[in-house]
C-alpha atoms as a PDB file:
ATOM      1  CA  UNK A   1     104.844 105.256 107.263  1.00  0.00           C
ATOM      2  CA  UNK A   2     105.120 103.664 103.372  1.00  0.00           C
ATOM      3  CA  UNK A   3     105.527 100.698 101.739  1.00  0.00           C
ATOM      4  CA  UNK A   4     106.688 100.017  98.619  1.00  0.00           C
ATOM      5  CA  UNK A   5     105.681  96.625  96.714  1.00  0.00           C
ATOM      6  CA  UNK A   6     104.302  94.588  93.966  1.00  0.00           C
ATOM      7  CA  UNK A   7     101.759  92.023  94.039  1.00  0.00           C
ATOM      8  CA  UNK A   8     103.406  89.006  93.752  1.00  0.00           C
ATOM      9  CA  UNK A   9     106.171  89.567  95.475  1.00  0.00           C
ATOM     10  CA  UNK A  10     106.177  86.932  98.318  1.00  0.00           C
ATOM     11  CA  UNK A  11     108.616  89.401 100.632  1.00  0.00           C
ATOM     12  CA  UNK A  12     106.528  92.351  99.825  1.00  0.00           C
ATOM     13  CA  UNK A  13     103.433  89.736 101.355  1.00  0.00           C
ATOM     14  CA  UNK A  14     105.462  88.824 104.429  1.00  0.00           C
ATOM     15  CA  UNK A  15     106.112  92.513 105.118  1.00  0.00           C
ATOM     16  CA  UNK A  16     102.368  93.021 104.004  1.00  0.00           C
ATOM     17  CA  UNK A  17     100.770  90.136 106.745  1.00  0.00           C
ATOM     18  CA  UNK A  18     103.274  91.169 109.317  1.00  0.00           C
ATOM     19  CA  UNK A  19     102.086  94.838 109.137  1.00  0.00           C
ATOM     20  CA  UNK A  20      98.572  94.010 109.403  1.00  0.00           C
ATOM     21  CA  UNK A  21      99.240  91.110 112.318  1.00  0.00           C
ATOM     22  CA  UNK A  22     100.330  93.900 114.369  1.00  0.00           C
ATOM     23  CA  UNK A  23      97.969  96.367 113.820  1.00  0.00           C
ATOM     24  CA  UNK A  24     100.351  98.598 111.634  1.00  0.00           C
ATOM     25  CA  UNK A  25      99.149 101.061 109.268  1.00  0.00           C
ATOM     26  CA  UNK A  26     100.619 101.241 105.793  1.00  0.00           C
ATOM     27  CA  UNK A  27     100.435 103.516 103.015  1.00  0.00           C
ATOM     28  CA  UNK A  28     101.486 101.443  99.700  1.00  0.00           C
ATOM     29  CA  UNK A  29     103.669 102.389  96.854  1.00  0.00           C
ATOM     30  CA  UNK A  30     103.001 100.161  94.265  1.00  0.00           C
ATOM     31  CA  UNK A  31     106.291  99.844  92.349  1.00  0.00           C
ATOM     32  CA  UNK A  32     107.523  97.587  89.441  1.00  0.00           C
ATOM     33  CA  UNK A  33     111.038  96.741  90.445  1.00  0.00           C
ATOM     34  CA  UNK A  34     112.219  95.697  86.464  1.00  0.00           C
ATOM     35  CA  UNK A  35     111.255  99.185  84.997  1.00  0.00           C
ATOM     36  CA  UNK A  36     114.297 101.124  87.451  1.00  0.00           C
ATOM     37  CA  UNK A  37     111.333 103.569  88.746  1.00  0.00           C
ATOM     38  CA  UNK A  38     112.523 106.812  89.712  1.00  0.00           C
ATOM     39  CA  UNK A  39     110.919 106.626  93.538  1.00  0.00           C
ATOM     40  CA  UNK A  40     111.827 103.025  93.956  1.00  0.00           C
ATOM     41  CA  UNK A  41     115.170 103.931  93.286  1.00  0.00           C
ATOM     42  CA  UNK A  42     115.328 107.190  95.559  1.00  0.00           C
ATOM     43  CA  UNK A  43     114.491 104.883  98.261  1.00  0.00           C
ATOM     44  CA  UNK A  44     116.578 101.301  97.236  1.00  0.00           C
ATOM     45  CA  UNK A  45     119.184 102.118  94.741  1.00  0.00           C
ATOM     46  CA  UNK A  46     118.717  97.971  94.562  1.00  0.00           C
ATOM     47  CA  UNK A  47     115.666  98.191  92.661  1.00  0.00           C
ATOM     48  CA  UNK A  48     114.015  95.485  94.994  1.00  0.00           C
ATOM     49  CA  UNK A  49     110.940  95.489  97.135  1.00  0.00           C
ATOM     50  CA  UNK A  50     109.769  95.404  99.610  1.00  0.00           C
ATOM     51  CA  UNK A  51     111.038  98.264 101.060  1.00  0.00           C
ATOM     52  CA  UNK A  52     109.914 100.410 104.309  1.00  0.00           C
ATOM     53  CA  UNK A  53     109.995 104.462 104.145  1.00  0.00           C
ATOM     54  CA  UNK A  54     109.337 105.521 107.574  1.00  0.00           C
ATOM     55  CA  UNK A  55     107.921 108.641 109.285  1.00  0.00           C
ATOM     56  CA  UNK A  56     111.580 109.840 109.877  1.00  0.00           C
ATOM     57  CA  UNK A  57     112.780 109.339 106.165  1.00  0.00           C
ATOM     58  CA  UNK A  58     114.652 106.472 106.936  1.00  0.00           C
ATOM     59  CA  UNK A  59     114.299 103.476 104.367  1.00  0.00           C
ATOM     60  CA  UNK A  60     114.378  99.822 105.459  1.00  0.00           C
ATOM     61  CA  UNK A  61     114.883  97.112 102.552  1.00  0.00           C
ATOM     62  CA  UNK A  62     114.432  93.451 102.870  1.00  0.00           C
ATOM     63  CA  UNK A  63     111.275  91.431 104.425  1.00  0.00           C
ATOM     64  CA  UNK A  64     112.880  90.347 107.548  1.00  0.00           C
ATOM     65  CA  UNK A  65     114.214  93.338 108.288  1.00  0.00           C
ATOM     66  CA  UNK A  66     111.197  95.270 107.884  1.00  0.00           C
ATOM     67  CA  UNK A  67     108.843  92.826 109.921  1.00  0.00           C
ATOM     68  CA  UNK A  68     111.553  92.738 112.828  1.00  0.00           C
ATOM     69  CA  UNK A  69     110.951  97.066 112.845  1.00  0.00           C
ATOM     70  CA  UNK A  70     107.387  96.486 112.614  1.00  0.00           C
ATOM     71  CA  UNK A  71     107.212  93.892 115.601  1.00  0.00           C
ATOM     72  CA  UNK A  72     108.765  96.552 117.657  1.00  0.00           C
ATOM     73  CA  UNK A  73     106.403  99.042 116.602  1.00  0.00           C
ATOM     74  CA  UNK A  74     102.876  97.462 118.122  1.00  0.00           C
ATOM     75  CA  UNK A  75     102.605  96.441 121.761  1.00  0.00           C
ATOM     76  CA  UNK A  76     100.527  93.627 120.393  1.00  0.00           C
ATOM     77  CA  UNK A  77     102.251  89.759 120.939  1.00  0.00           C
ATOM     78  CA  UNK A  78     105.422  89.696 119.632  1.00  0.00           C
ATOM     79  CA  UNK A  79     106.282  87.968 116.447  1.00  0.00           C
ATOM     80  CA  UNK A  80     109.482  87.365 117.597  1.00  0.00           C
ATOM     81  CA  UNK A  81     109.141  86.625 121.526  1.00  0.00           C
ATOM     82  CA  UNK A  82     112.534  86.356 123.116  1.00  0.00           C
ATOM     83  CA  UNK A  83     111.246  82.800 124.984  1.00  0.00           C
ATOM     84  CA  UNK A  84     111.353  81.364 120.973  1.00  0.00           C
ATOM     85  CA  UNK A  85     114.008  83.940 119.503  1.00  0.00           C
ATOM     86  CA  UNK A  86     115.895  81.211 118.035  1.00  0.00           C
ATOM     87  CA  UNK A  87     113.685  78.835 117.058  1.00  0.00           C
ATOM     88  CA  UNK A  88     111.425  81.720 115.128  1.00  0.00           C
ATOM     89  CA  UNK A  89     114.579  82.872 113.680  1.00  0.00           C
ATOM     90  CA  UNK A  90     115.387  79.118 112.590  1.00  0.00           C
ATOM     91  CA  UNK A  91     112.171  78.928 110.684  1.00  0.00           C
ATOM     92  CA  UNK A  92     112.155  82.405 109.758  1.00  0.00           C
ATOM     93  CA  UNK A  93     115.888  81.399 107.758  1.00  0.00           C
ATOM     94  CA  UNK A  94     114.001  77.995 106.240  1.00  0.00           C
ATOM     95  CA  UNK A  95     111.417  80.265 104.978  1.00  0.00           C
ATOM     96  CA  UNK A  96     113.100  82.881 103.281  1.00  0.00           C
ATOM     97  CA  UNK A  97     115.433  80.796 101.687  1.00  0.00           C
ATOM     98  CA  UNK A  98     112.604  78.548 100.168  1.00  0.00           C
ATOM     99  CA  UNK A  99     110.978  81.414  99.145  1.00  0.00           C
ATOM    100  CA  UNK A 100     114.184  82.777  97.213  1.00  0.00           C
ATOM    101  CA  UNK A 101     114.907  79.272  95.758  1.00  0.00           C
ATOM    102  CA  UNK A 102     111.584  79.260  94.458  1.00  0.00           C
ATOM    103  CA  UNK A 103     111.356  82.993  93.487  1.00  0.00           C
ATOM    104  CA  UNK A 104     115.066  82.631  91.323  1.00  0.00           C
ATOM    105  CA  UNK A 105     113.814  79.666  89.559  1.00  0.00           C
ATOM    106  CA  UNK A 106     110.393  81.916  88.712  1.00  0.00           C
ATOM    107  CA  UNK A 107     112.945  84.658  87.388  1.00  0.00           C
ATOM    108  CA  UNK A 108     114.829  82.308  85.503  1.00  0.00           C
ATOM    109  CA  UNK A 109     112.146  80.762  83.271  1.00  0.00           C
ATOM    110  CA  UNK A 110     110.960  84.109  82.712  1.00  0.00           C
ATOM    111  CA  UNK A 111     114.089  85.446  81.198  1.00  0.00           C
ATOM    112  CA  UNK A 112     115.762  82.284  79.875  1.00  0.00           C
ATOM    113  CA  UNK A 113     112.724  80.080  79.147  1.00  0.00           C
ATOM    114  CA  UNK A 114     112.127  76.378  79.902  1.00  0.00           C
ATOM    115  CA  UNK A 115     115.803  75.724  79.590  1.00  0.00           C
ATOM    116  CA  UNK A 116     116.350  77.439  82.867  1.00  0.00           C
ATOM    117  CA  UNK A 117     114.997  74.911  84.691  1.00  0.00           C
ATOM    118  CA  UNK A 118     117.919  72.071  83.326  1.00  0.00           C
ATOM    119  CA  UNK A 119     120.401  74.270  84.016  1.00  0.00           C
ATOM    120  CA  UNK A 120     122.877  73.607  86.440  1.00  0.00           C
ATOM    121  CA  UNK A 121     121.543  76.105  88.643  1.00  0.00           C
ATOM    122  CA  UNK A 122     118.107  75.471  87.910  1.00  0.00           C
ATOM    123  CA  UNK A 123     118.505  71.910  89.077  1.00  0.00           C
ATOM    124  CA  UNK A 124     120.607  73.019  91.931  1.00  0.00           C
ATOM    125  CA  UNK A 125     117.571  75.261  93.071  1.00  0.00           C
ATOM    126  CA  UNK A 126     115.033  72.222  92.771  1.00  0.00           C
ATOM    127  CA  UNK A 127     116.987  70.344  94.646  1.00  0.00           C
ATOM    128  CA  UNK A 128     116.995  73.236  97.165  1.00  0.00           C
ATOM    129  CA  UNK A 129     113.523  73.449  97.488  1.00  0.00           C
ATOM    130  CA  UNK A 130     112.965  69.765  97.725  1.00  0.00           C
ATOM    131  CA  UNK A 131     114.939  69.558 100.316  1.00  0.00           C
ATOM    132  CA  UNK A 132     113.605  72.267 102.276  1.00  0.00           C
ATOM    133  CA  UNK A 133     110.124  70.967 102.214  1.00  0.00           C
ATOM    134  CA  UNK A 134     111.381  67.584 103.353  1.00  0.00           C
ATOM    135  CA  UNK A 135     113.199  69.100 106.204  1.00  0.00           C
ATOM    136  CA  UNK A 136     110.069  71.510 106.871  1.00  0.00           C
ATOM    137  CA  UNK A 137     107.753  68.825 107.016  1.00  0.00           C
ATOM    138  CA  UNK A 138     108.484  67.635 110.736  1.00  0.00           C
ATOM    139  CA  UNK A 139     110.949  70.550 111.722  1.00  0.00           C
ATOM    140  CA  UNK A 140     107.796  73.272 111.149  1.00  0.00           C
ATOM    141  CA  UNK A 141     105.220  71.609 112.787  1.00  0.00           C
ATOM    142  CA  UNK A 142     107.698  70.236 115.876  1.00  0.00           C
ATOM    143  CA  UNK A 143     108.454  74.181 116.226  1.00  0.00           C
ATOM    144  CA  UNK A 144     105.488  75.838 115.968  1.00  0.00           C
ATOM    145  CA  UNK A 145     103.934  77.825 118.726  1.00  0.00           C
ATOM    146  CA  UNK A 146     100.045  78.351 119.851  1.00  0.00           C
ATOM    147  CA  UNK A 147     100.892  82.158 118.492  1.00  0.00           C
ATOM    148  CA  UNK A 148     101.821  82.758 115.320  1.00  0.00           C
ATOM    149  CA  UNK A 149     105.472  83.930 114.781  1.00  0.00           C
ATOM    150  CA  UNK A 150     107.085  85.426 111.851  1.00  0.00           C
ATOM    151  CA  UNK A 151     109.066  81.823 111.229  1.00  0.00           C
ATOM    152  CA  UNK A 152     105.449  80.698 110.337  1.00  0.00           C
ATOM    153  CA  UNK A 153     104.050  83.329 108.215  1.00  0.00           C
ATOM    154  CA  UNK A 154     107.405  83.568 105.985  1.00  0.00           C
ATOM    155  CA  UNK A 155     107.058  79.861 105.692  1.00  0.00           C
ATOM    156  CA  UNK A 156     103.353  80.092 104.924  1.00  0.00           C
ATOM    157  CA  UNK A 157     104.013  82.967 102.492  1.00  0.00           C
ATOM    158  CA  UNK A 158     106.888  80.582 101.042  1.00  0.00           C
ATOM    159  CA  UNK A 159     104.287  77.819 101.136  1.00  0.00           C
ATOM    160  CA  UNK A 160     101.681  80.019  99.000  1.00  0.00           C
ATOM    161  CA  UNK A 161     104.274  81.630  96.379  1.00  0.00           C
ATOM    162  CA  UNK A 162     105.414  77.546  95.379  1.00  0.00           C
ATOM    163  CA  UNK A 163     101.309  77.138  94.911  1.00  0.00           C
ATOM    164  CA  UNK A 164     101.214  80.075  92.644  1.00  0.00           C
ATOM    165  CA  UNK A 165     104.069  80.067  90.734  1.00  0.00           C
ATOM    166  CA  UNK A 166     105.141  76.172  90.879  1.00  0.00           C
ATOM    167  CA  UNK A 167     101.882  74.448  91.035  1.00  0.00           C
ATOM    168  CA  UNK A 168     103.531  71.300  89.351  1.00  0.00           C
ATOM    169  CA  UNK A 169     105.600  71.023  92.762  1.00  0.00           C
ATOM    170  CA  UNK A 170     102.171  70.100  94.369  1.00  0.00           C
ATOM    171  CA  UNK A 171     103.760  70.681  98.278  1.00  0.00           C
ATOM    172  CA  UNK A 172      99.958  70.237  99.843  1.00  0.00           C
ATOM    173  CA  UNK A 173      99.384  66.911  98.184  1.00  0.00           C
ATOM    174  CA  UNK A 174     103.260  65.106  99.039  1.00  0.00           C
ATOM    175  CA  UNK A 175     103.442  66.624 102.762  1.00  0.00           C
ATOM    176  CA  UNK A 176     100.525  66.496 105.075  1.00  0.00           C
ATOM    177  CA  UNK A 177     101.985  68.014 108.018  1.00  0.00           C
ATOM    178  CA  UNK A 178     103.002  70.881 105.799  1.00  0.00           C
ATOM    179  CA  UNK A 179      99.440  71.389 104.719  1.00  0.00           C
ATOM    180  CA  UNK A 180      97.882  71.322 108.071  1.00  0.00           C
ATOM    181  CA  UNK A 181     100.382  73.964 109.725  1.00  0.00           C
ATOM    182  CA  UNK A 182      99.445  76.050 106.501  1.00  0.00           C
ATOM    183  CA  UNK A 183      95.888  75.354 106.701  1.00  0.00           C
ATOM    184  CA  UNK A 184      96.045  77.342 110.195  1.00  0.00           C
ATOM    185  CA  UNK A 185      97.376  80.268 108.789  1.00  0.00           C
ATOM    186  CA  UNK A 186      95.592  80.968 105.715  1.00  0.00           C
ATOM    187  CA  UNK A 187      92.097  81.012 107.074  1.00  0.00           C
ATOM    188  CA  UNK A 188      93.412  84.179 109.198  1.00  0.00           C
ATOM    189  CA  UNK A 189      92.338  87.402 107.669  1.00  0.00           C
ATOM    190  CA  UNK A 190      96.055  88.807 107.049  1.00  0.00           C
ATOM    191  CA  UNK A 191      96.460  85.817 104.649  1.00  0.00           C
ATOM    192  CA  UNK A 192      93.316  86.068 102.871  1.00  0.00           C
ATOM    193  CA  UNK A 193      93.516  89.837 101.881  1.00  0.00           C
ATOM    194  CA  UNK A 194      96.685  89.801 101.063  1.00  0.00           C
ATOM    195  CA  UNK A 195      96.360  86.297  98.822  1.00  0.00           C
ATOM    196  CA  UNK A 196      98.377  85.809  95.410  1.00  0.00           C
ATOM    197  CA  UNK A 197      96.243  86.022  92.196  1.00  0.00           C
END
């Protein structure tokens, strides 16, 4: 199977971590989604990463859908356990939302400059990030299980992305509950070997 990705996409990193946790081998196809590369467009006309191309030629876009497919391919501990499905999906949804708000803030800065942060959308994204961090401060520790889950992975990657691209938010100093949960995951090989930077 091939995974189309780039090095700084938090969404692609989720797929990479899931593959490592599940022991699924992938061939990486490094892509620049901003340059409309023919290889990427052939498997995803949206020109977005990640995209998983399965051995039968089917392509799957969107990180959570890729993660669910990879989870189904291995008998290792399920990342979406049936007994905790709603709680794990709740966390995954919060994490993806946090990731999207941060990603869109970064992209707006890249294309519109510093004024992007002061725009209506820029301020709305910042409020969404702050509200989500505050909610996850108690929600994540309360819902985290003994085994790593898809929700844990997505939230931890979102937090890493915030530290990487929006360090001025300084979430580790402000949210000790998040810091503690994140630290347990950051030490895993799947996180260490895929770190941004």
